[in-house]
């Protein structure tokens, strides 16, 4: 499974890398630091042409350039990418952010836990669930592109 992590905080990105290594996912993780890079990666533009399409996107809201909401809106408006599951992974507990994320088409919303143990538990559950479900999302996307 190819997972795109869109995270501008180096400490949070490092934490995800550590958790991924513990779960044998390192070779399938890709990191970008802002919204522009996220769209370039997904659309295979500006140096990302050889990258595989993501099966799952973990997207922070507070990003430089394009924020997470703008990235999510662009993805869900594009018929080529709307079936990629996007999980918002952010520090925000603001109900407006939660509702807005789902209104824009997010598949899930997870607040970054404050402790390593809690974060590891959430990360394992997230990966276990989406490693099976994302195959369905990929099949739907491929079927849609054939039309």
N, C-alpha and C. Protein backbone atom coordinates (compact mmCIF):
# COMPACT_ATOMS: atom_id res chain seq x y z
N UNK A 1 0.84 -1.18 0.00
CA UNK A 1 0.00 0.00 0.00
C UNK A 1 0.89 1.24 0.00
N UNK A 2 0.56 2.19 -0.84
CA UNK A 2 1.30 3.45 -0.94
C UNK A 2 0.56 4.53 -0.16
N UNK A 3 1.24 5.08 0.83
CA UNK A 3 0.62 6.08 1.70
C UNK A 3 1.35 7.41 1.53
N UNK A 4 0.60 8.45 1.19
CA UNK A 4 1.16 9.79 1.09
C UNK A 4 0.87 10.52 2.39
N UNK A 5 1.93 11.00 3.04
CA UNK A 5 1.81 11.77 4.27
C UNK A 5 2.07 13.23 3.92
N UNK A 6 1.09 14.08 4.15
CA UNK A 6 1.23 15.51 3.88
C UNK A 6 1.33 16.21 5.23
N UNK A 7 2.56 16.51 5.63
CA UNK A 7 2.83 17.02 6.98
C UNK A 7 4.01 17.98 6.94
N UNK A 8 3.82 19.20 7.42
CA UNK A 8 4.90 20.19 7.40
C UNK A 8 5.71 20.21 8.69
N UNK A 9 5.24 19.57 9.74
CA UNK A 9 5.95 19.56 11.02
C UNK A 9 6.95 18.40 11.02
N UNK A 10 8.27 18.71 11.03
CA UNK A 10 9.27 17.64 10.98
C UNK A 10 9.17 16.63 12.13
N UNK A 11 8.79 17.08 13.32
CA UNK A 11 8.66 16.17 14.46
C UNK A 11 7.52 15.17 14.23
N UNK A 12 6.40 15.66 13.71
CA UNK A 12 5.27 14.76 13.44
C UNK A 12 5.60 13.79 12.31
N UNK A 13 6.29 14.29 11.28
CA UNK A 13 6.70 13.42 10.17
C UNK A 13 7.64 12.33 10.67
N UNK A 14 8.57 12.70 11.54
CA UNK A 14 9.51 11.72 12.10
C UNK A 14 8.77 10.67 12.92
N UNK A 15 7.79 11.09 13.68
CA UNK A 15 7.00 10.16 14.48
C UNK A 15 6.27 9.15 13.58
N UNK A 16 5.70 9.62 12.49
CA UNK A 16 5.03 8.72 11.55
C UNK A 16 6.03 7.74 10.95
N UNK A 17 7.24 8.21 10.61
CA UNK A 17 8.27 7.31 10.08
C UNK A 17 8.63 6.23 11.09
N UNK A 18 8.78 6.60 12.34
CA UNK A 18 9.11 5.62 13.39
C UNK A 18 8.00 4.58 13.51
N UNK A 19 6.77 5.03 13.54
CA UNK A 19 5.64 4.10 13.65
C UNK A 19 5.54 3.21 12.41
N UNK A 20 5.82 3.77 11.25
CA UNK A 20 5.77 2.98 10.02
C UNK A 20 6.84 1.90 10.02
N UNK A 21 8.03 2.23 10.51
CA UNK A 21 9.09 1.23 10.59
C UNK A 21 8.69 0.09 11.51
N UNK A 22 8.04 0.41 12.60
CA UNK A 22 7.59 -0.63 13.53
C UNK A 22 6.53 -1.53 12.90
N UNK A 23 5.84 -1.01 11.87
CA UNK A 23 4.78 -1.77 11.20
C UNK A 23 5.17 -2.19 9.79
N UNK A 24 6.47 -2.14 9.47
CA UNK A 24 7.01 -2.60 8.18
C UNK A 24 6.38 -1.91 6.97
N UNK A 25 6.19 -0.61 7.05
CA UNK A 25 5.58 0.13 5.95
C UNK A 25 6.50 1.14 5.29
N UNK A 26 7.75 1.20 5.68
CA UNK A 26 8.63 2.28 5.24
C UNK A 26 8.76 2.40 3.73
N UNK A 27 8.85 1.30 3.02
CA UNK A 27 9.08 1.40 1.58
C UNK A 27 7.87 1.93 0.82
N UNK A 28 6.72 2.02 1.48
CA UNK A 28 5.51 2.49 0.83
C UNK A 28 5.05 3.86 1.32
N UNK A 29 5.88 4.51 2.11
CA UNK A 29 5.53 5.84 2.63
C UNK A 29 6.20 6.92 1.80
N UNK A 30 5.44 7.95 1.51
CA UNK A 30 5.96 9.10 0.79
C UNK A 30 5.55 10.35 1.56
N UNK A 31 6.49 11.28 1.71
CA UNK A 31 6.24 12.49 2.49
C UNK A 31 6.37 13.73 1.62
N UNK A 32 5.44 14.65 1.79
CA UNK A 32 5.55 15.99 1.21
C UNK A 32 5.22 16.97 2.33
N UNK A 33 5.63 18.24 2.15
CA UNK A 33 5.53 19.20 3.25
C UNK A 33 4.51 20.31 3.06
N UNK A 34 3.89 20.40 1.90
CA UNK A 34 2.89 21.45 1.72
C UNK A 34 1.83 21.00 0.73
N UNK A 35 0.77 21.81 0.62
CA UNK A 35 -0.35 21.47 -0.24
C UNK A 35 0.00 21.42 -1.71
N UNK A 36 0.86 22.32 -2.17
CA UNK A 36 1.28 22.30 -3.57
C UNK A 36 2.01 21.00 -3.91
N UNK A 37 2.93 20.59 -3.03
CA UNK A 37 3.66 19.34 -3.25
C UNK A 37 2.70 18.15 -3.24
N UNK A 38 1.70 18.19 -2.39
CA UNK A 38 0.73 17.09 -2.33
C UNK A 38 0.02 16.92 -3.67
N UNK A 39 -0.48 18.03 -4.22
CA UNK A 39 -1.18 17.94 -5.51
C UNK A 39 -0.23 17.54 -6.62
N UNK A 40 1.00 18.05 -6.60
CA UNK A 40 1.99 17.65 -7.60
C UNK A 40 2.26 16.15 -7.53
N UNK A 41 2.42 15.62 -6.33
CA UNK A 41 2.67 14.19 -6.15
C UNK A 41 1.51 13.38 -6.72
N UNK A 42 0.31 13.73 -6.34
CA UNK A 42 -0.87 12.97 -6.75
C UNK A 42 -1.09 13.06 -8.26
N UNK A 43 -0.83 14.24 -8.83
CA UNK A 43 -1.04 14.46 -10.26
C UNK A 43 0.20 14.13 -11.10
N UNK A 44 1.26 13.64 -10.43
CA UNK A 44 2.51 13.26 -11.09
C UNK A 44 3.11 14.42 -11.87
N UNK A 45 3.19 15.56 -11.23
CA UNK A 45 3.73 16.78 -11.85
C UNK A 45 4.99 17.22 -11.11
N UNK A 46 5.78 18.07 -11.77
CA UNK A 46 6.93 18.73 -11.14
C UNK A 46 7.84 17.80 -10.34
N UNK A 47 8.38 16.81 -10.99
CA UNK A 47 9.35 15.93 -10.36
C UNK A 47 8.78 14.70 -9.68
N UNK A 48 7.49 14.52 -9.72
CA UNK A 48 6.86 13.36 -9.08
C UNK A 48 6.31 12.36 -10.11
N UNK A 49 6.76 12.47 -11.34
CA UNK A 49 6.21 11.65 -12.42
C UNK A 49 6.35 10.15 -12.18
N UNK A 50 7.45 9.73 -11.57
CA UNK A 50 7.72 8.31 -11.36
C UNK A 50 7.12 7.76 -10.06
N UNK A 51 6.49 8.58 -9.28
CA UNK A 51 5.93 8.12 -8.01
C UNK A 51 4.64 7.34 -8.25
N UNK A 52 4.41 6.29 -7.46
CA UNK A 52 3.15 5.54 -7.61
C UNK A 52 1.99 6.34 -7.04
N UNK A 53 0.79 6.10 -7.54
CA UNK A 53 -0.36 6.81 -6.98
C UNK A 53 -0.62 6.34 -5.55
N UNK A 54 -1.02 7.25 -4.68
CA UNK A 54 -1.28 6.84 -3.29
C UNK A 54 -2.58 6.03 -3.17
N UNK A 55 -2.55 5.06 -2.29
CA UNK A 55 -3.75 4.30 -1.95
C UNK A 55 -4.47 4.96 -0.78
N UNK A 56 -3.74 5.77 -0.04
CA UNK A 56 -4.27 6.45 1.14
C UNK A 56 -3.47 7.73 1.34
N UNK A 57 -4.17 8.79 1.73
CA UNK A 57 -3.52 10.07 2.01
C UNK A 57 -3.82 10.47 3.45
N UNK A 58 -2.76 10.76 4.21
CA UNK A 58 -2.91 11.34 5.55
C UNK A 58 -2.57 12.81 5.42
N UNK A 59 -3.53 13.67 5.67
CA UNK A 59 -3.43 15.08 5.33
C UNK A 59 -3.62 15.97 6.55
N UNK A 60 -2.62 16.80 6.82
CA UNK A 60 -2.75 17.81 7.87
C UNK A 60 -3.58 18.97 7.33
N UNK A 61 -4.23 19.69 8.19
CA UNK A 61 -5.01 20.86 7.77
C UNK A 61 -4.11 22.08 7.61
N UNK A 62 -3.28 22.33 8.60
CA UNK A 62 -2.47 23.55 8.62
C UNK A 62 -1.16 23.31 7.86
N UNK A 63 -1.18 23.70 6.59
CA UNK A 63 -0.03 23.51 5.72
C UNK A 63 0.34 24.83 5.06
N UNK A 64 1.62 24.99 4.70
CA UNK A 64 1.99 26.17 3.91
C UNK A 64 1.46 26.05 2.48
N UNK A 65 1.42 27.18 1.82
CA UNK A 65 0.93 27.29 0.44
C UNK A 65 -0.55 26.93 0.42
N UNK A 66 -0.93 25.78 -0.11
CA UNK A 66 -2.33 25.35 -0.05
C UNK A 66 -2.56 24.63 1.27
N UNK A 67 -3.63 24.98 1.98
CA UNK A 67 -3.90 24.27 3.23
C UNK A 67 -4.61 22.94 2.94
N UNK A 68 -4.79 22.14 3.98
CA UNK A 68 -5.39 20.82 3.80
C UNK A 68 -6.79 20.86 3.22
N UNK A 69 -7.58 21.86 3.59
CA UNK A 69 -8.93 21.98 3.03
C UNK A 69 -8.89 22.21 1.53
N UNK A 70 -7.97 23.05 1.09
CA UNK A 70 -7.85 23.34 -0.35
C UNK A 70 -7.40 22.10 -1.12
N UNK A 71 -6.48 21.35 -0.54
CA UNK A 71 -6.02 20.11 -1.18
C UNK A 71 -7.19 19.12 -1.26
N UNK A 72 -7.90 18.95 -0.17
CA UNK A 72 -9.03 18.03 -0.13
C UNK A 72 -10.10 18.43 -1.14
N UNK A 73 -10.41 19.71 -1.22
CA UNK A 73 -11.41 20.20 -2.17
C UNK A 73 -10.98 19.89 -3.60
N UNK A 74 -9.72 20.13 -3.92
CA UNK A 74 -9.21 19.87 -5.28
C UNK A 74 -9.27 18.38 -5.61
N UNK A 75 -8.89 17.53 -4.68
CA UNK A 75 -8.91 16.08 -4.94
C UNK A 75 -10.32 15.56 -5.16
N UNK A 76 -11.22 15.96 -4.30
CA UNK A 76 -12.58 15.43 -4.38
C UNK A 76 -13.37 16.01 -5.55
N UNK A 77 -12.90 17.12 -6.11
CA UNK A 77 -13.55 17.70 -7.29
C UNK A 77 -13.04 17.07 -8.58
N UNK A 78 -11.95 16.33 -8.52
CA UNK A 78 -11.33 15.75 -9.71
C UNK A 78 -11.75 14.29 -9.85
N UNK A 79 -12.43 13.93 -10.94
CA UNK A 79 -12.89 12.55 -11.09
C UNK A 79 -11.76 11.51 -11.11
N UNK A 80 -10.55 11.92 -11.42
CA UNK A 80 -9.43 10.98 -11.44
C UNK A 80 -8.93 10.64 -10.04
N UNK A 81 -9.20 11.47 -9.05
CA UNK A 81 -8.62 11.29 -7.72
C UNK A 81 -9.64 11.23 -6.59
N UNK A 82 -10.89 11.43 -6.88
CA UNK A 82 -11.90 11.55 -5.81
C UNK A 82 -12.07 10.28 -4.98
N UNK A 83 -11.66 9.12 -5.52
CA UNK A 83 -11.84 7.88 -4.78
C UNK A 83 -10.67 7.53 -3.86
N UNK A 84 -9.62 8.33 -3.88
CA UNK A 84 -8.51 8.08 -2.96
C UNK A 84 -8.97 8.47 -1.55
N UNK A 85 -8.91 7.54 -0.60
CA UNK A 85 -9.31 7.91 0.76
C UNK A 85 -8.34 8.93 1.36
N UNK A 86 -8.91 9.97 1.94
CA UNK A 86 -8.11 11.01 2.59
C UNK A 86 -8.52 11.07 4.06
N UNK A 87 -7.54 10.85 4.93
CA UNK A 87 -7.76 10.94 6.36
C UNK A 87 -7.10 12.22 6.85
N UNK A 88 -7.87 13.07 7.49
CA UNK A 88 -7.31 14.27 8.09
C UNK A 88 -6.62 13.85 9.39
N UNK A 89 -5.35 14.18 9.50
CA UNK A 89 -4.55 13.86 10.68
C UNK A 89 -3.98 15.19 11.18
N UNK A 90 -4.60 15.75 12.21
CA UNK A 90 -4.30 17.11 12.61
C UNK A 90 -4.39 17.28 14.13
N UNK A 91 -3.87 18.38 14.61
CA UNK A 91 -3.96 18.67 16.04
C UNK A 91 -5.26 19.38 16.40
N UNK A 92 -6.02 19.82 15.41
CA UNK A 92 -7.24 20.59 15.66
C UNK A 92 -8.39 19.72 16.19
N UNK A 93 -9.02 20.22 17.25
CA UNK A 93 -10.24 19.61 17.79
C UNK A 93 -11.45 20.47 17.47
N UNK A 94 -11.25 21.50 16.69
CA UNK A 94 -12.31 22.45 16.37
C UNK A 94 -13.44 21.74 15.62
N UNK A 95 -14.67 21.75 16.16
CA UNK A 95 -15.78 21.10 15.47
C UNK A 95 -16.00 21.63 14.04
N UNK A 96 -15.74 22.91 13.82
CA UNK A 96 -15.88 23.46 12.47
C UNK A 96 -14.92 22.78 11.50
N UNK A 97 -13.69 22.51 11.94
CA UNK A 97 -12.71 21.82 11.10
C UNK A 97 -13.17 20.39 10.80
N UNK A 98 -13.73 19.74 11.81
CA UNK A 98 -14.20 18.36 11.63
C UNK A 98 -15.34 18.32 10.62
N UNK A 99 -16.35 19.17 10.81
CA UNK A 99 -17.49 19.19 9.89
C UNK A 99 -17.06 19.59 8.48
N UNK A 100 -16.20 20.58 8.39
CA UNK A 100 -15.74 21.03 7.07
C UNK A 100 -14.98 19.92 6.35
N UNK A 101 -14.16 19.18 7.08
CA UNK A 101 -13.41 18.08 6.47
C UNK A 101 -14.35 17.04 5.85
N UNK A 102 -15.36 16.65 6.60
CA UNK A 102 -16.29 15.66 6.07
C UNK A 102 -17.16 16.24 4.95
N UNK A 103 -17.53 17.51 5.06
CA UNK A 103 -18.29 18.16 3.98
C UNK A 103 -17.50 18.16 2.68
N UNK A 104 -16.18 18.28 2.79
CA UNK A 104 -15.33 18.30 1.59
C UNK A 104 -14.97 16.90 1.10
N UNK A 105 -15.37 15.87 1.81
CA UNK A 105 -15.15 14.51 1.33
C UNK A 105 -14.09 13.69 2.04
N UNK A 106 -13.64 14.13 3.21
CA UNK A 106 -12.66 13.33 3.96
C UNK A 106 -13.27 11.98 4.33
N UNK A 107 -12.43 10.96 4.34
CA UNK A 107 -12.86 9.62 4.72
C UNK A 107 -12.76 9.40 6.23
N UNK A 108 -12.04 10.28 6.91
CA UNK A 108 -11.87 10.16 8.35
C UNK A 108 -11.18 11.39 8.90
N UNK A 109 -11.24 11.54 10.20
CA UNK A 109 -10.64 12.69 10.87
C UNK A 109 -10.06 12.19 12.18
N UNK A 110 -8.76 12.31 12.34
CA UNK A 110 -8.09 11.85 13.55
C UNK A 110 -7.29 13.00 14.13
N UNK A 111 -7.54 13.27 15.41
CA UNK A 111 -6.72 14.26 16.09
C UNK A 111 -5.41 13.58 16.49
N UNK A 112 -4.30 14.28 16.26
CA UNK A 112 -3.01 13.73 16.64
C UNK A 112 -2.99 13.54 18.16
N UNK A 113 -2.81 12.31 18.61
CA UNK A 113 -2.76 12.07 20.05
C UNK A 113 -1.55 12.74 20.68
N UNK A 114 -1.66 13.01 21.97
CA UNK A 114 -0.59 13.73 22.66
C UNK A 114 0.55 12.83 23.10
N UNK A 115 0.33 11.53 23.22
CA UNK A 115 1.41 10.64 23.65
C UNK A 115 1.80 9.67 22.54
N UNK A 116 3.02 9.19 22.60
CA UNK A 116 3.51 8.24 21.61
C UNK A 116 2.67 6.96 21.61
N UNK A 117 2.34 6.46 22.79
CA UNK A 117 1.57 5.22 22.90
C UNK A 117 0.19 5.38 22.25
N UNK A 118 -0.47 6.50 22.52
CA UNK A 118 -1.78 6.76 21.91
C UNK A 118 -1.66 6.90 20.39
N UNK A 119 -0.62 7.60 19.95
CA UNK A 119 -0.41 7.80 18.51
C UNK A 119 -0.14 6.46 17.83
N UNK A 120 0.66 5.61 18.46
CA UNK A 120 0.94 4.30 17.89
C UNK A 120 -0.33 3.46 17.77
N UNK A 121 -1.15 3.49 18.79
CA UNK A 121 -2.41 2.75 18.77
C UNK A 121 -3.32 3.24 17.63
N UNK A 122 -3.47 4.55 17.50
CA UNK A 122 -4.29 5.13 16.43
C UNK A 122 -3.72 4.80 15.05
N UNK A 123 -2.40 4.91 14.92
CA UNK A 123 -1.75 4.65 13.64
C UNK A 123 -1.94 3.20 13.21
N UNK A 124 -1.74 2.26 14.13
CA UNK A 124 -1.93 0.84 13.81
C UNK A 124 -3.36 0.56 13.36
N UNK A 125 -4.32 1.09 14.09
CA UNK A 125 -5.72 0.88 13.74
C UNK A 125 -6.03 1.47 12.37
N UNK A 126 -5.52 2.65 12.12
CA UNK A 126 -5.74 3.32 10.84
C UNK A 126 -5.18 2.50 9.68
N UNK A 127 -3.94 2.07 9.80
CA UNK A 127 -3.29 1.32 8.72
C UNK A 127 -3.96 -0.04 8.53
N UNK A 128 -4.27 -0.71 9.61
CA UNK A 128 -4.93 -2.02 9.50
C UNK A 128 -6.25 -1.89 8.75
N UNK A 129 -7.04 -0.91 9.11
CA UNK A 129 -8.34 -0.72 8.47
C UNK A 129 -8.19 -0.35 6.99
N UNK A 130 -7.39 0.65 6.70
CA UNK A 130 -7.32 1.15 5.33
C UNK A 130 -6.49 0.28 4.40
N UNK A 131 -5.65 -0.59 4.94
CA UNK A 131 -4.90 -1.47 4.04
C UNK A 131 -5.83 -2.43 3.33
N UNK A 132 -6.98 -2.70 3.92
CA UNK A 132 -7.97 -3.54 3.25
C UNK A 132 -8.97 -2.70 2.46
N UNK A 133 -9.46 -1.64 3.03
CA UNK A 133 -10.47 -0.82 2.37
C UNK A 133 -9.91 -0.08 1.16
N UNK A 134 -8.66 0.34 1.21
CA UNK A 134 -8.11 1.12 0.11
C UNK A 134 -8.06 0.33 -1.19
N UNK A 135 -8.02 -0.99 -1.12
CA UNK A 135 -8.05 -1.80 -2.34
C UNK A 135 -9.37 -1.60 -3.06
N UNK A 136 -10.45 -1.49 -2.30
CA UNK A 136 -11.74 -1.21 -2.89
C UNK A 136 -11.74 0.18 -3.53
N UNK A 137 -11.17 1.14 -2.84
CA UNK A 137 -11.10 2.49 -3.39
C UNK A 137 -10.30 2.50 -4.68
N UNK A 138 -9.18 1.78 -4.73
CA UNK A 138 -8.37 1.71 -5.95
C UNK A 138 -9.16 1.06 -7.09
N UNK A 139 -9.88 -0.03 -6.80
CA UNK A 139 -10.69 -0.69 -7.83
C UNK A 139 -11.75 0.25 -8.37
N UNK A 140 -12.37 1.01 -7.48
CA UNK A 140 -13.38 1.97 -7.94
C UNK A 140 -12.76 3.05 -8.81
N UNK A 141 -11.58 3.52 -8.43
CA UNK A 141 -10.91 4.55 -9.21
C UNK A 141 -10.55 4.00 -10.59
N UNK A 142 -9.99 2.80 -10.67
CA UNK A 142 -9.61 2.22 -11.96
C UNK A 142 -10.84 1.99 -12.83
N UNK A 143 -11.93 1.54 -12.22
CA UNK A 143 -13.17 1.33 -12.97
C UNK A 143 -13.69 2.66 -13.51
N UNK A 144 -13.63 3.69 -12.70
CA UNK A 144 -14.10 5.01 -13.12
C UNK A 144 -13.27 5.54 -14.29
N UNK A 145 -11.96 5.33 -14.24
CA UNK A 145 -11.07 5.83 -15.29
C UNK A 145 -11.28 5.11 -16.61
N UNK A 146 -11.82 3.90 -16.59
CA UNK A 146 -12.07 3.15 -17.83
C UNK A 146 -13.23 3.74 -18.61
N UNK A 147 -14.12 4.45 -17.92
CA UNK A 147 -15.32 5.01 -18.58
C UNK A 147 -14.98 6.11 -19.54
